[in-house]
Amino acid sequence: QVQLVESGGGLVQPGGSLRLSCAASGFTFSSSYWMYWVRQAPGKGLEWFSSINTGSSDTDYVDSVKGRFTISRDNAKNTLSLQMKSLKHEDTAVYYCVKGSTWDWGQGTQVTVSS
């Protein structure tokens, strides 16, 4: 059974940094699955803001996070990561990792950017 467990969220001041992790189990993480980070801000819809292919050779970001967020994966450790820097109030959201193809979701981790 696929399990995705996000961690690393919390309260951070504007301009600060956080690193999110997603521990994957129940499937072969190194197989041909794209992985995604999705977020949902309070009162707003889902935003698919970053993705990475199996070999980490292809990553993509929406403009609002480009240059501030970095997606990565460690296939040996079955882990997806998101390094976030220069955080802004508008980055406040619940952050989810999502497995491509089968579209399994983690439970999410809350990121709050506030002074």
Protein backbone atom coordinates (compact mmCIF):
# COMPACT_ATOMS: atom_id res chain seq x y z
CA GLN A 1 0.00 0.00 0.00
CA VAL A 2 1.38 3.36 -1.03
CA GLN A 3 2.22 5.69 1.83
CA LEU A 4 3.49 9.24 1.53
CA VAL A 5 4.33 11.04 4.76
CA GLU A 6 5.27 14.71 4.65
CA SER A 7 7.24 16.41 7.39
CA GLY A 8 9.16 19.59 8.02
CA GLY A 9 6.38 22.13 8.04
CA GLY A 10 6.03 24.81 10.65
CA LEU A 11 5.95 28.50 11.38
CA VAL A 12 8.60 30.64 9.72
CA GLN A 13 9.13 34.37 9.36
CA PRO A 14 8.98 36.05 5.96
CA GLY A 15 12.31 35.64 4.24
CA GLY A 16 13.05 32.46 6.11
CA SER A 17 13.65 28.93 4.90
CA LEU A 18 12.17 25.50 5.43
CA ARG A 19 12.88 22.06 4.08
CA LEU A 20 10.02 19.66 3.57
CA SER A 21 10.45 15.93 3.20
CA CYS A 22 8.15 13.23 1.94
CA ALA A 23 8.91 9.67 2.96
CA ALA A 24 7.56 7.20 0.44
CA SER A 25 6.81 3.52 0.96
CA GLY A 26 4.74 0.76 -0.55
CA PHE A 27 6.07 1.17 -4.06
CA THR A 28 9.36 1.23 -5.91
CA PHE A 29 10.27 4.89 -5.58
CA SER A 30 13.03 4.63 -8.17
CA SER A 31 10.66 3.37 -10.86
CA SER A 32 9.21 5.61 -13.51
CA TYR A 33 7.10 7.84 -11.34
CA TRP A 34 7.09 11.56 -11.48
CA MET A 35 6.61 13.13 -8.08
CA TYR A 36 4.86 16.38 -7.38
CA TRP A 37 4.48 18.98 -4.68
CA VAL A 38 1.03 20.50 -4.41
CA ARG A 39 -0.17 23.13 -1.98
CA GLN A 40 -3.45 24.57 -0.86
CA ALA A 41 -3.58 28.01 0.67
CA PRO A 42 -6.41 28.94 3.04
CA GLY A 43 -9.62 29.41 1.08
CA LYS A 44 -7.98 28.65 -2.25
CA GLY A 45 -7.72 25.76 -4.65
CA LEU A 46 -4.91 23.30 -5.19
CA GLU A 47 -1.74 24.57 -6.80
CA TRP A 48 0.53 22.03 -8.50
CA PHE A 49 3.72 24.00 -8.19
CA SER A 50 6.62 21.63 -8.69
CA SER A 51 7.47 18.29 -10.23
CA ILE A 52 10.46 16.01 -10.75
CA ASN A 53 11.05 13.00 -12.93
CA THR A 54 12.48 9.69 -11.81
CA GLY A 55 16.09 10.45 -12.54
CA SER A 56 15.92 14.07 -11.32
CA SER A 57 16.97 15.27 -14.76
CA ASP A 58 13.73 17.18 -15.30
CA THR A 59 12.21 19.55 -12.78
CA ASP A 60 9.52 22.14 -13.20
CA TYR A 61 8.17 25.01 -11.14
CA VAL A 62 5.41 27.52 -11.42
CA ASP A 63 6.55 31.10 -11.71
CA SER A 64 5.51 32.02 -8.17
CA VAL A 65 8.12 29.69 -6.63
CA LYS A 66 10.77 29.60 -9.34
CA GLY A 67 14.15 30.59 -7.99
CA ARG A 68 13.05 30.20 -4.38
CA PHE A 69 12.05 26.52 -4.15
CA THR A 70 14.08 23.49 -5.14
CA ILE A 71 12.60 20.04 -5.57
CA SER A 72 14.78 16.97 -5.23
CA ARG A 73 14.53 13.28 -4.65
CA ASP A 74 16.76 10.57 -3.22
CA ASN A 75 15.74 7.30 -4.79
CA ALA A 76 18.02 5.32 -2.50
CA LYS A 77 16.23 6.74 0.54
CA ASN A 78 12.74 6.83 -0.99
CA THR A 79 12.48 10.50 -0.18
CA LEU A 80 11.16 13.54 -1.97
CA SER A 81 12.30 16.91 -0.69
CA LEU A 82 11.46 20.57 -1.13
CA GLN A 83 13.91 23.26 -0.09
CA MET A 84 12.11 26.57 0.31
CA LYS A 85 13.84 29.89 0.81
CA SER A 86 12.83 33.54 0.78
CA LEU A 87 9.42 32.50 2.01
CA LYS A 88 6.54 34.90 1.65
CA HIS A 89 3.19 35.27 3.39
CA GLU A 90 1.53 33.90 0.26
CA ASP A 91 3.45 30.64 0.63
CA THR A 92 1.29 29.82 3.64
CA ALA A 93 -0.50 26.59 2.77
CA VAL A 94 -0.80 22.90 3.40
CA TYR A 95 1.86 21.17 1.33
CA TYR A 96 1.30 17.73 -0.15
CA CYS A 97 3.50 15.32 -2.01
CA VAL A 98 1.82 13.37 -4.76
CA LYS A 99 2.88 10.26 -6.64
CA GLY A 100 2.33 10.40 -10.36
CA SER A 101 0.44 7.76 -12.35
CA THR A 102 -1.63 6.52 -9.42
CA TRP A 103 -2.11 9.97 -7.87
CA ASP A 104 -1.58 8.93 -4.29
CA TRP A 105 -1.38 11.81 -1.79
CA GLY A 106 0.24 12.30 1.55
CA GLN A 107 -1.63 13.80 4.49
CA GLY A 108 0.04 17.16 4.08
CA THR A 109 2.16 19.40 6.26
CA GLN A 110 1.27 22.95 7.25
CA VAL A 111 3.60 25.80 6.37
CA THR A 112 2.80 29.16 7.89
CA VAL A 113 4.78 32.23 6.96
CA SER A 114 4.15 34.99 9.44
CA SER A 115 5.97 37.54 11.51
